[in-house]
């Protein structure tokens, strides 16, 4: 009887020390695309998030997060949905932080296509020193939907404080992916970055990266009404650059500018007149974006984005020139 009373008190004490945070948001997002055929649409949505932390001791805690988003796209898209859930056991002792758990996402719409599902491990080991942080994140993930695959990968990253107003970043990663019914694909990459905080609520960041993916799996593409078999369809070398600028224009108003660039060199020939030619395919893409975020009140925010999606290639079917304007208004209840 005494033992039962002790357990009840322990559980009650744990419940009293549990921290929870939940938010319910309702809003609408409108987007206009200036493609060859100009289009516009509006999507009202409902979004909820929840985060729970339950301390087990001074060093260990149970963490859980969840999010759900329901939308209805006009015109013609219909119902869309997105869900996320994660649960972790975390441990912190001195400069060491560790996390062990799992996460899952599901995303779909009313088009009739199978929903996209991903389940993955959520593991992290971090050494956090005064001016240097080193993290190792191994992952095992399964993807389902129209295509299925199993991936094992890992990333080793570091953040170095460079004075009071700048940080440097470095990252190496790699892994192997097994698509269902196909041969394995492997990939490796590295990246360098820096952020500078010169004051006046301004942030300047630049990140550069390189990735190599090797695959022997072919793909069938419909190009100009004909089916074209492309060998080594997912085998390429990527080089990317991401400059970013963000600064405050006043109380509750923030401006952001992104200008990502990427060059992809494929391991197969370009497609001309429905046939593969000897010259290797290349793709140069840019996605510039200017966003303005306005916090009218703590609960009501407005965000507008003007951007573009541009692509040049020696395979004409990969070329793209699209501009878009997005306006989103969100009311959050905590």
Protein backbone atom coordinates (compact mmCIF):
# COMPACT_ATOMS: atom_id res chain seq x y z
CA UNK A 1 0.00 0.00 0.00
CA UNK A 2 2.83 2.37 0.85
CA UNK A 3 4.53 1.52 -2.43
CA UNK A 4 1.32 2.32 -4.38
CA UNK A 5 1.03 5.65 -2.59
CA UNK A 6 4.65 6.45 -3.39
CA UNK A 7 4.16 5.65 -7.08
CA UNK A 8 1.03 7.81 -7.22
CA UNK A 9 2.89 10.73 -5.69
CA UNK A 10 5.80 10.24 -8.10
CA UNK A 11 3.48 10.22 -11.11
CA UNK A 12 1.64 13.27 -9.82
CA UNK A 13 4.92 15.11 -9.35
CA UNK A 14 5.99 14.21 -12.88
CA UNK A 15 2.67 15.40 -14.31
CA UNK A 16 2.93 18.70 -12.44
CA UNK A 17 6.39 19.31 -13.93
CA UNK A 18 5.23 18.60 -17.50
CA UNK A 19 5.32 21.61 -19.83
CA UNK A 20 2.94 21.89 -22.78
CA UNK A 21 2.55 24.48 -25.51
CA UNK A 22 -0.25 24.40 -28.09
CA UNK A 23 -1.23 26.77 -30.89
CA UNK A 24 -4.26 26.81 -33.19
CA UNK A 25 -4.02 28.94 -36.33
CA UNK A 26 -6.58 29.79 -38.98
CA UNK A 27 -5.73 31.67 -42.12
CA UNK A 28 -5.77 31.90 -45.88
CA UNK A 29 -3.04 31.77 -48.48
CA UNK A 30 -3.44 33.16 -51.98
CA UNK A 31 -1.01 32.61 -54.85
CA UNK A 32 -0.84 33.92 -58.39
CA UNK A 33 1.48 32.25 -60.92
CA UNK A 34 2.68 34.16 -63.99
CA UNK A 35 3.47 31.12 -66.12
CA UNK A 36 2.59 30.75 -69.80
CA UNK A 37 -0.99 30.36 -68.55
CA UNK A 38 -1.64 32.86 -65.74
CA UNK A 39 -3.35 31.21 -62.76
CA UNK A 40 -4.51 32.20 -59.29
CA UNK A 41 -5.81 30.33 -56.29
CA UNK A 42 -6.83 30.75 -52.67
CA UNK A 43 -6.40 28.20 -49.88
CA UNK A 44 -8.06 28.68 -46.48
CA UNK A 45 -6.38 26.47 -43.88
CA UNK A 46 -6.50 25.35 -40.27
CA UNK A 47 -3.26 24.48 -38.49
CA UNK A 48 -2.54 23.16 -35.02
CA UNK A 49 0.73 22.49 -33.21
CA UNK A 50 1.51 20.97 -29.84
CA UNK A 51 4.75 20.47 -27.92
CA UNK A 52 5.12 18.60 -24.61
CA UNK A 53 8.19 18.29 -22.38
CA UNK A 54 8.18 15.95 -19.39
CA UNK A 55 11.36 16.05 -17.25
CA UNK A 56 12.44 12.67 -15.87
CA UNK A 57 15.44 14.01 -13.97
CA UNK A 58 17.81 16.96 -14.00
CA UNK A 59 19.46 15.51 -17.13
CA UNK A 60 16.76 13.54 -18.98
CA UNK A 61 13.42 14.52 -20.50
CA UNK A 62 10.74 13.14 -22.76
CA UNK A 63 9.93 15.42 -25.69
CA UNK A 64 7.00 15.15 -28.09
CA UNK A 65 5.83 17.38 -30.93
CA UNK A 66 2.86 17.23 -33.25
CA UNK A 67 1.38 19.35 -36.04
CA UNK A 68 -1.64 19.06 -38.32
CA UNK A 69 -2.60 21.25 -41.27
CA UNK A 70 -5.85 21.04 -43.27
CA UNK A 71 -6.46 23.20 -46.31
CA UNK A 72 -8.86 23.53 -49.21
CA UNK A 73 -7.29 24.84 -52.40
CA UNK A 74 -9.33 26.91 -54.82
CA UNK A 75 -9.85 26.42 -57.66
CA UNK A 76 -9.90 22.69 -58.23
CA UNK A 77 -7.22 21.40 -55.85
CA UNK A 78 -9.63 20.26 -53.14
CA UNK A 79 -8.73 19.14 -49.66
CA UNK A 80 -5.06 18.99 -48.67
CA UNK A 81 -3.62 17.65 -45.44
CA UNK A 82 -0.31 17.39 -43.62
CA UNK A 83 0.57 15.71 -40.33
CA UNK A 84 3.75 15.47 -38.27
CA UNK A 85 4.56 13.66 -35.03
CA UNK A 86 7.79 13.06 -33.12
CA UNK A 87 8.72 11.60 -29.76
CA UNK A 88 12.20 11.66 -28.20
CA UNK A 89 14.14 10.88 -25.07
CA UNK A 90 16.75 13.58 -24.52
CA UNK A 91 19.75 13.64 -22.21
CA UNK A 92 22.02 16.56 -21.33
CA UNK A 93 25.11 16.36 -19.14
CA UNK A 94 27.61 19.20 -19.19
CA UNK A 95 28.60 19.88 -22.78
CA UNK A 96 26.95 16.71 -24.12
CA UNK A 97 23.43 16.54 -25.52
CA UNK A 98 21.83 13.39 -26.91
CA UNK A 99 18.45 12.58 -28.39
CA UNK A 100 16.89 9.23 -29.30
CA UNK A 101 13.46 8.88 -30.86
CA UNK A 102 11.41 8.69 -34.03
CA UNK A 103 9.40 11.00 -36.28
CA UNK A 104 6.79 10.60 -39.00
CA UNK A 105 5.08 12.81 -41.59
CA UNK A 106 2.13 12.25 -43.92
CA UNK A 107 1.00 14.55 -46.72
CA UNK A 108 -1.73 14.20 -49.31
CA UNK A 109 -4.61 15.77 -51.19
CA UNK A 110 -7.91 14.90 -52.82
CA UNK A 111 -6.38 14.13 -56.22
CA UNK A 112 -6.60 10.38 -55.58
CA UNK A 113 -2.82 9.84 -55.56
CA UNK A 114 -1.42 7.83 -52.63
CA UNK A 115 -0.35 10.06 -49.73
CA UNK A 116 3.35 10.68 -49.20
CA UNK A 117 4.52 9.06 -45.96
CA UNK A 118 7.90 9.18 -44.24
CA UNK A 119 8.96 7.51 -41.00
CA UNK A 120 12.47 8.07 -39.67
CA UNK A 121 14.68 7.77 -36.64
CA UNK A 122 15.34 10.98 -34.72
CA UNK A 123 18.84 10.61 -33.28
CA UNK A 124 21.36 13.33 -32.41
CA UNK A 125 24.64 13.52 -30.49
CA UNK A 126 26.04 17.00 -29.85
CA UNK A 127 29.08 18.34 -28.06
CA UNK A 128 28.43 21.99 -27.19
CA UNK A 129 31.51 23.93 -26.08
CA UNK A 130 31.75 27.66 -25.50
CA UNK A 131 32.64 28.63 -29.09
CA UNK A 132 32.38 25.32 -30.90
CA UNK A 133 29.53 22.85 -31.48
CA UNK A 134 29.95 19.44 -33.08
CA UNK A 135 26.90 17.31 -33.99
CA UNK A 136 26.45 13.86 -35.46
CA UNK A 137 23.02 12.92 -36.82
CA UNK A 138 22.59 9.38 -38.17
CA UNK A 139 19.23 8.53 -39.71
CA UNK A 140 17.26 5.60 -41.02
CA UNK A 141 14.12 6.55 -42.96
CA UNK A 142 11.39 4.85 -44.94
CA UNK A 143 9.39 6.66 -47.60
CA UNK A 144 6.07 5.46 -48.96
CA UNK A 145 3.55 6.67 -51.51
CA UNK A 146 3.75 6.41 -55.29
CA UNK A 147 7.40 5.36 -54.88
CA UNK A 148 8.94 3.60 -51.87
CA UNK A 149 12.49 3.61 -50.59
CA UNK A 150 14.65 2.90 -47.55
CA UNK A 151 17.54 5.26 -46.76
CA UNK A 152 20.42 5.15 -44.30
CA UNK A 153 22.47 8.33 -44.00
CA UNK A 154 24.46 10.45 -41.59
CA UNK A 155 25.64 14.05 -41.21
CA UNK A 156 28.52 15.49 -39.22
CA UNK A 157 28.24 19.25 -38.74
CA UNK A 158 29.92 21.97 -36.72
CA UNK A 159 29.24 25.59 -35.78
CA UNK A 160 32.12 27.86 -34.79
CA UNK A 161 31.67 31.26 -33.18
CA UNK A 162 33.84 33.84 -34.98
CA UNK A 163 33.70 36.79 -32.62
CA UNK A 164 30.57 38.41 -31.25
CA UNK A 165 28.83 38.99 -34.59
CA UNK A 166 29.53 35.98 -36.82
CA UNK A 167 29.35 32.19 -36.93
CA UNK A 168 30.89 29.69 -39.35
CA UNK A 169 29.29 26.37 -40.38
CA UNK A 170 30.66 23.18 -41.92
CA UNK A 171 28.96 19.91 -42.81
CA UNK A 172 29.72 16.54 -44.41
CA UNK A 173 27.07 13.93 -45.11
CA UNK A 174 26.49 10.75 -47.02
CA UNK A 175 24.32 7.69 -47.28
CA UNK A 176 22.71 5.01 -49.38
CA UNK A 177 19.14 4.73 -50.64
CA UNK A 178 17.34 1.59 -51.77
CA UNK A 179 14.32 2.37 -54.02
CA UNK A 180 11.77 -0.43 -54.15
CA UNK A 181 12.50 -2.83 -57.02
CA UNK A 182 15.59 -0.92 -58.18
CA UNK A 183 19.34 -0.86 -57.58
CA UNK A 184 20.82 1.06 -54.61
CA UNK A 185 21.79 4.71 -54.97
CA UNK A 186 24.50 6.39 -52.90
CA UNK A 187 25.19 10.03 -52.23
CA UNK A 188 27.75 12.21 -50.45
CA UNK A 189 28.06 15.94 -49.93
CA UNK A 190 29.75 18.77 -48.09
CA UNK A 191 28.87 22.36 -47.27
CA UNK A 192 30.34 25.55 -45.84
CA UNK A 193 28.47 28.59 -44.57
CA UNK A 194 28.73 31.78 -42.58
CA UNK A 195 26.31 34.21 -40.91
CA UNK A 196 27.07 37.79 -39.93
CA UNK A 197 25.04 39.91 -37.50
CA UNK A 198 26.19 43.50 -38.07
CA UNK A 199 23.48 45.03 -35.89
CA UNK A 200 20.20 46.82 -36.52
CA UNK A 201 18.43 43.43 -36.43
CA UNK A 202 20.19 42.39 -39.65
CA UNK A 203 21.41 38.92 -40.63
CA UNK A 204 23.58 38.16 -43.67
CA UNK A 205 24.18 34.50 -44.53
CA UNK A 206 25.95 32.63 -47.32
CA UNK A 207 26.00 28.85 -47.75
CA UNK A 208 27.73 26.82 -50.45
CA UNK A 209 27.47 23.10 -51.03
CA UNK A 210 28.39 20.23 -53.31
CA UNK A 211 26.63 16.88 -53.64
CA UNK A 212 27.39 13.78 -55.66
CA UNK A 213 24.71 11.14 -56.27
CA UNK A 214 25.35 7.91 -58.18
CA UNK A 215 22.50 5.82 -59.56
CA UNK A 216 22.10 3.35 -62.41
CA UNK A 217 18.29 3.37 -62.32
CA UNK A 218 16.57 4.55 -65.53
CA UNK A 219 13.38 6.58 -65.82
CA UNK A 220 10.74 7.05 -68.49
CA UNK A 221 9.82 10.67 -69.24
CA UNK A 222 7.04 11.92 -71.51
CA UNK A 223 8.72 14.60 -73.65
CA UNK A 224 6.85 16.33 -76.47
CA UNK A 225 4.28 13.55 -76.43
CA UNK A 226 6.80 10.72 -76.69
CA UNK A 227 8.18 8.36 -74.04
CA UNK A 228 11.94 8.72 -73.62
CA UNK A 229 13.98 6.20 -71.57
CA UNK A 230 16.64 8.15 -69.67
CA UNK A 231 19.55 6.10 -68.27
CA UNK A 232 21.12 6.96 -64.90
CA UNK A 233 18.25 9.39 -64.38
CA UNK A 234 19.14 10.27 -60.77
CA UNK A 235 22.94 10.33 -61.14
CA UNK A 236 24.40 13.84 -60.99
CA UNK A 237 26.76 16.39 -59.44
CA UNK A 238 25.21 19.43 -57.75
CA UNK A 239 26.94 22.70 -56.85
CA UNK A 240 24.82 25.25 -54.97
CA UNK A 241 25.05 28.73 -53.50
CA UNK A 242 22.52 30.30 -51.12
CA UNK A 243 22.94 33.99 -50.16
CA UNK A 244 20.34 35.36 -47.73
CA UNK A 245 19.64 38.77 -46.25
CA UNK A 246 17.12 39.55 -43.51
CA UNK A 247 16.58 42.81 -41.64
CA UNK A 248 14.00 44.77 -39.71
CA UNK A 249 12.14 47.69 -41.28
CA UNK A 250 10.52 48.70 -38.02
CA UNK A 251 8.58 47.23 -35.16
CA UNK A 252 6.91 44.03 -36.32
CA UNK A 253 8.06 44.40 -39.95
CA UNK A 254 10.81 42.27 -41.46
CA UNK A 255 12.16 41.94 -44.99
CA UNK A 256 13.92 38.85 -46.31
CA UNK A 257 15.79 38.28 -49.58
CA UNK A 258 16.87 34.87 -50.91
CA UNK A 259 18.82 34.18 -54.10
CA UNK A 260 19.60 30.44 -54.35
CA UNK A 261 21.57 29.23 -57.37
CA UNK A 262 22.37 25.64 -58.36
CA UNK A 263 24.20 23.95 -61.22
CA UNK A 264 23.45 20.27 -61.87
CA UNK A 265 25.60 18.16 -64.19
CA UNK A 266 23.87 14.90 -65.11
CA UNK A 267 25.53 11.56 -65.90
CA UNK A 268 23.39 11.10 -69.00
CA UNK A 269 23.11 12.91 -72.28
CA UNK A 270 20.80 15.79 -73.03
CA UNK A 271 17.42 15.19 -74.69
CA UNK A 272 16.97 16.71 -78.13
CA UNK A 273 14.04 15.96 -80.44
CA UNK A 274 12.98 13.04 -78.27
CA UNK A 275 16.40 11.34 -78.30
CA UNK A 276 19.42 11.13 -75.96
CA UNK A 277 22.49 12.87 -77.44
CA UNK A 278 26.17 12.55 -76.53
CA UNK A 279 26.53 15.93 -74.78
CA UNK A 280 25.94 15.62 -71.01
CA UNK A 281 22.80 17.30 -69.72
CA UNK A 282 23.20 20.37 -67.51
CA UNK A 283 20.66 22.38 -65.55
CA UNK A 284 21.18 25.87 -64.14
CA UNK A 285 18.42 26.95 -61.75
CA UNK A 286 17.64 30.04 -59.69
CA UNK A 287 14.81 30.71 -57.24
CA UNK A 288 15.01 34.36 -56.11
CA UNK A 289 12.51 35.44 -53.47
CA UNK A 290 11.63 38.62 -51.60
CA UNK A 291 9.37 38.27 -48.56
CA UNK A 292 7.79 40.87 -46.29
CA UNK A 293 6.54 39.74 -42.88
CA UNK A 294 4.27 42.00 -40.82
CA UNK A 295 3.18 41.24 -37.25
CA UNK A 296 0.04 43.34 -36.79
CA UNK A 297 -0.48 41.90 -33.29
CA UNK A 298 1.01 38.98 -31.40
CA UNK A 299 -1.75 36.77 -32.79
CA UNK A 300 -2.17 38.16 -36.34
CA UNK A 301 0.53 38.08 -39.01
CA UNK A 302 0.61 38.85 -42.71
CA UNK A 303 3.29 37.57 -45.09
CA UNK A 304 3.72 38.33 -48.77
CA UNK A 305 6.26 36.73 -51.09
CA UNK A 306 7.34 37.71 -54.59
CA UNK A 307 9.52 35.09 -56.25
CA UNK A 308 10.51 33.19 -59.33
CA UNK A 309 11.49 29.70 -60.40
CA UNK A 310 13.90 29.83 -63.31
CA UNK A 311 15.76 27.01 -65.05
CA UNK A 312 18.01 26.85 -68.12
CA UNK A 313 19.16 23.58 -69.67
CA UNK A 314 20.40 22.02 -72.89
CA UNK A 315 17.36 19.72 -72.54
CA UNK A 316 14.44 22.01 -73.35
CA UNK A 317 11.90 19.95 -71.37
CA UNK A 318 13.70 20.93 -68.15
CA UNK A 319 13.54 24.68 -68.80
CA UNK A 320 11.20 26.75 -66.66
CA UNK A 321 10.32 30.44 -66.26
CA UNK A 322 7.71 31.06 -63.59
CA UNK A 323 7.00 34.10 -61.38
CA UNK A 324 4.61 34.02 -58.44
CA UNK A 325 3.08 36.26 -55.81
CA UNK A 326 1.86 34.80 -52.50
CA UNK A 327 -0.11 36.52 -49.76
CA UNK A 328 -0.80 34.75 -46.44
CA UNK A 329 -2.73 35.96 -43.41
CA UNK A 330 -2.72 33.92 -40.17
CA UNK A 331 -4.59 34.29 -36.89
CA UNK A 332 -3.06 32.22 -34.05
CA UNK A 333 -4.68 31.26 -30.76
CA UNK A 334 -2.39 29.99 -28.00
